[in-house]
């Protein structure tokens, strides 16, 4: 069953894209750091792939952001 992303659900993907772009990194570069295909990063940033906590922590390590940055409502 496909789920329709909610505004709350899209907060993390939007922040992932924003931080990546602020760091001037391509999806391909991030994918290489995660040892994943570029399509994985794209799916995460578009809200297609819902991240578990360990996956989100991997992004936190690359982006040098605390977990709370991505899960806070602001």
N, C-alpha and C. Protein backbone atom coordinates (compact mmCIF):
# COMPACT_ATOMS: atom_id res chain seq x y z
N UNK A 1 0.84 -1.17 0.00
CA UNK A 1 0.00 0.00 0.00
C UNK A 1 0.89 1.25 0.00
N UNK A 2 0.63 2.17 -0.90
CA UNK A 2 1.36 3.42 -0.95
C UNK A 2 0.74 4.41 0.01
N UNK A 3 1.58 5.15 0.69
CA UNK A 3 1.10 6.16 1.61
C UNK A 3 1.33 7.54 1.00
N UNK A 4 0.37 8.43 1.20
CA UNK A 4 0.53 9.79 0.72
C UNK A 4 1.34 10.55 1.77
N UNK A 5 2.46 11.18 1.36
CA UNK A 5 3.26 11.91 2.33
C UNK A 5 2.49 13.09 2.91
N UNK A 6 2.62 13.28 4.21
CA UNK A 6 2.00 14.42 4.87
C UNK A 6 3.02 15.54 4.97
N UNK A 7 2.55 16.73 5.32
CA UNK A 7 3.46 17.86 5.49
C UNK A 7 4.50 17.53 6.56
N UNK A 8 4.07 16.91 7.64
CA UNK A 8 4.99 16.52 8.71
C UNK A 8 6.02 15.52 8.19
N UNK A 9 5.55 14.58 7.37
CA UNK A 9 6.45 13.57 6.83
C UNK A 9 7.49 14.20 5.89
N UNK A 10 7.13 15.26 5.20
CA UNK A 10 8.04 15.88 4.24
C UNK A 10 9.06 16.81 4.90
N UNK A 11 8.92 17.09 6.17
CA UNK A 11 9.85 17.97 6.86
C UNK A 11 11.28 17.43 6.81
N UNK A 12 11.46 16.18 7.12
CA UNK A 12 12.81 15.58 7.11
C UNK A 12 13.38 15.56 5.70
N UNK A 13 12.65 15.09 4.69
CA UNK A 13 13.22 15.11 3.34
C UNK A 13 13.61 16.52 2.89
N UNK A 14 12.78 17.50 3.19
CA UNK A 14 13.10 18.88 2.81
C UNK A 14 14.38 19.36 3.48
N UNK A 15 14.54 19.02 4.75
CA UNK A 15 15.75 19.42 5.48
C UNK A 15 16.97 18.69 4.92
N UNK A 16 16.81 17.42 4.56
CA UNK A 16 17.92 16.67 3.98
C UNK A 16 18.42 17.36 2.70
N UNK A 17 17.49 17.74 1.84
CA UNK A 17 17.86 18.40 0.59
C UNK A 17 18.50 19.77 0.87
N UNK A 18 17.90 20.52 1.76
CA UNK A 18 18.39 21.86 2.07
C UNK A 18 19.83 21.82 2.58
N UNK A 19 20.11 20.94 3.53
CA UNK A 19 21.45 20.85 4.09
C UNK A 19 22.45 20.38 3.04
N UNK A 20 22.06 19.40 2.25
CA UNK A 20 22.96 18.90 1.20
C UNK A 20 23.33 20.04 0.25
N UNK A 21 22.33 20.81 -0.15
CA UNK A 21 22.59 21.91 -1.07
C UNK A 21 23.43 23.01 -0.42
N UNK A 22 23.19 23.29 0.87
CA UNK A 22 23.99 24.28 1.59
C UNK A 22 25.46 23.85 1.66
N UNK A 23 25.69 22.55 1.74
CA UNK A 23 27.06 22.03 1.79
C UNK A 23 27.65 21.86 0.39
N UNK A 24 26.86 22.20 -0.63
CA UNK A 24 27.29 22.11 -2.02
C UNK A 24 27.72 20.69 -2.38
N UNK A 25 26.91 19.73 -1.94
CA UNK A 25 27.15 18.33 -2.25
C UNK A 25 26.09 17.86 -3.24
N UNK A 26 26.47 17.00 -4.14
CA UNK A 26 25.51 16.40 -5.06
C UNK A 26 24.91 15.15 -4.40
N UNK A 27 23.79 14.71 -4.93
CA UNK A 27 23.21 13.45 -4.44
C UNK A 27 24.19 12.31 -4.65
N UNK A 28 24.90 12.35 -5.75
CA UNK A 28 25.86 11.30 -6.05
C UNK A 28 26.98 11.26 -4.99
N UNK A 29 27.48 12.42 -4.59
CA UNK A 29 28.54 12.46 -3.58
C UNK A 29 28.05 11.90 -2.25
N UNK A 30 26.85 12.30 -1.86
CA UNK A 30 26.29 11.79 -0.60
C UNK A 30 26.07 10.29 -0.69
N UNK A 31 25.56 9.84 -1.81
CA UNK A 31 25.34 8.41 -2.00
C UNK A 31 26.64 7.63 -1.84
N UNK A 32 27.71 8.15 -2.39
CA UNK A 32 29.01 7.47 -2.26
C UNK A 32 29.43 7.39 -0.80
N UNK A 33 29.21 8.48 -0.04
CA UNK A 33 29.57 8.48 1.38
C UNK A 33 28.73 7.49 2.18
N UNK A 34 27.49 7.28 1.73
CA UNK A 34 26.59 6.33 2.40
C UNK A 34 26.75 4.91 1.87
N UNK A 35 27.54 4.75 0.81
CA UNK A 35 27.69 3.47 0.14
C UNK A 35 26.34 2.96 -0.37
N UNK A 36 25.60 3.87 -0.98
CA UNK A 36 24.28 3.59 -1.53
C UNK A 36 24.21 4.16 -2.95
N UNK A 37 23.22 3.78 -3.73
CA UNK A 37 23.06 4.38 -5.05
C UNK A 37 22.48 5.80 -4.93
N UNK A 38 22.69 6.61 -5.94
CA UNK A 38 22.17 7.98 -5.96
C UNK A 38 20.66 7.98 -5.83
N UNK A 39 20.00 6.99 -6.38
CA UNK A 39 18.54 6.92 -6.31
C UNK A 39 18.04 6.82 -4.87
N UNK A 40 18.84 6.24 -3.98
CA UNK A 40 18.48 6.15 -2.55
C UNK A 40 18.37 7.55 -1.97
N UNK A 41 19.37 8.39 -2.24
CA UNK A 41 19.37 9.76 -1.73
C UNK A 41 18.17 10.52 -2.31
N UNK A 42 17.92 10.34 -3.58
CA UNK A 42 16.79 10.99 -4.23
C UNK A 42 15.47 10.58 -3.57
N UNK A 43 15.29 9.30 -3.34
CA UNK A 43 14.05 8.80 -2.72
C UNK A 43 13.90 9.35 -1.30
N UNK A 44 15.01 9.46 -0.58
CA UNK A 44 14.97 10.02 0.78
C UNK A 44 14.56 11.49 0.74
N UNK A 45 15.13 12.24 -0.18
CA UNK A 45 14.85 13.67 -0.27
C UNK A 45 13.46 13.96 -0.81
N UNK A 46 12.87 13.03 -1.53
CA UNK A 46 11.53 13.23 -2.08
C UNK A 46 10.44 12.63 -1.22
N UNK A 47 10.82 12.06 -0.08
CA UNK A 47 9.83 11.50 0.84
C UNK A 47 9.28 10.16 0.40
N UNK A 48 9.88 9.57 -0.60
CA UNK A 48 9.44 8.26 -1.07
C UNK A 48 9.95 7.17 -0.13
N UNK A 49 11.18 7.33 0.32
CA UNK A 49 11.82 6.39 1.25
C UNK A 49 11.72 6.96 2.65
N UNK A 50 11.01 6.28 3.51
CA UNK A 50 10.97 6.69 4.92
C UNK A 50 12.20 6.13 5.62
N UNK A 51 12.89 7.01 6.31
CA UNK A 51 14.13 6.63 6.96
C UNK A 51 13.89 6.08 8.36
N UNK A 52 14.65 5.04 8.71
CA UNK A 52 14.65 4.62 10.10
C UNK A 52 15.72 5.44 10.83
N UNK A 53 15.80 5.32 12.11
CA UNK A 53 16.68 6.16 12.92
C UNK A 53 18.15 5.97 12.54
N UNK A 54 18.55 4.75 12.25
CA UNK A 54 19.94 4.50 11.88
C UNK A 54 20.30 5.14 10.54
N UNK A 55 19.36 5.11 9.61
CA UNK A 55 19.61 5.75 8.31
C UNK A 55 19.73 7.26 8.48
N UNK A 56 18.83 7.84 9.28
CA UNK A 56 18.89 9.28 9.52
C UNK A 56 20.18 9.67 10.23
N UNK A 57 20.63 8.85 11.15
CA UNK A 57 21.90 9.11 11.83
C UNK A 57 23.08 9.11 10.85
N UNK A 58 23.01 8.30 9.82
CA UNK A 58 24.06 8.29 8.80
C UNK A 58 24.13 9.63 8.08
N UNK A 59 22.96 10.18 7.75
CA UNK A 59 22.92 11.50 7.13
C UNK A 59 23.45 12.56 8.11
N UNK A 60 23.08 12.43 9.38
CA UNK A 60 23.56 13.38 10.40
C UNK A 60 25.08 13.41 10.44
N UNK A 61 25.71 12.26 10.36
CA UNK A 61 27.15 12.19 10.39
C UNK A 61 27.79 12.88 9.20
N UNK A 62 27.22 12.70 8.04
CA UNK A 62 27.75 13.33 6.83
C UNK A 62 27.54 14.84 6.87
N UNK A 63 26.34 15.24 7.30
CA UNK A 63 25.99 16.65 7.27
C UNK A 63 26.42 17.41 8.53
N UNK A 64 26.98 16.70 9.49
CA UNK A 64 27.44 17.32 10.74
C UNK A 64 26.32 18.09 11.44
N UNK A 65 25.16 17.46 11.48
CA UNK A 65 23.99 18.04 12.15
C UNK A 65 23.51 17.05 13.20
N UNK A 66 23.01 17.56 14.35
CA UNK A 66 22.45 16.64 15.34
C UNK A 66 21.11 16.09 14.87
N UNK A 67 20.76 14.95 15.36
CA UNK A 67 19.51 14.30 15.00
C UNK A 67 18.31 15.23 15.22
N UNK A 68 18.33 15.97 16.31
CA UNK A 68 17.21 16.86 16.64
C UNK A 68 16.97 17.90 15.55
N UNK A 69 18.00 18.27 14.81
CA UNK A 69 17.84 19.24 13.72
C UNK A 69 16.81 18.73 12.70
N UNK A 70 16.89 17.46 12.38
CA UNK A 70 16.01 16.90 11.36
C UNK A 70 14.61 16.55 11.90
N UNK A 71 14.50 16.25 13.17
CA UNK A 71 13.20 15.82 13.69
C UNK A 71 12.44 16.93 14.42
N UNK A 72 13.07 18.09 14.61
CA UNK A 72 12.35 19.19 15.26
C UNK A 72 11.33 19.78 14.30
N UNK A 73 10.32 20.41 14.82
CA UNK A 73 9.24 20.96 14.03
C UNK A 73 9.62 22.24 13.30
N UNK A 74 10.69 22.86 13.70
CA UNK A 74 11.08 24.14 13.07
C UNK A 74 11.78 23.95 11.78
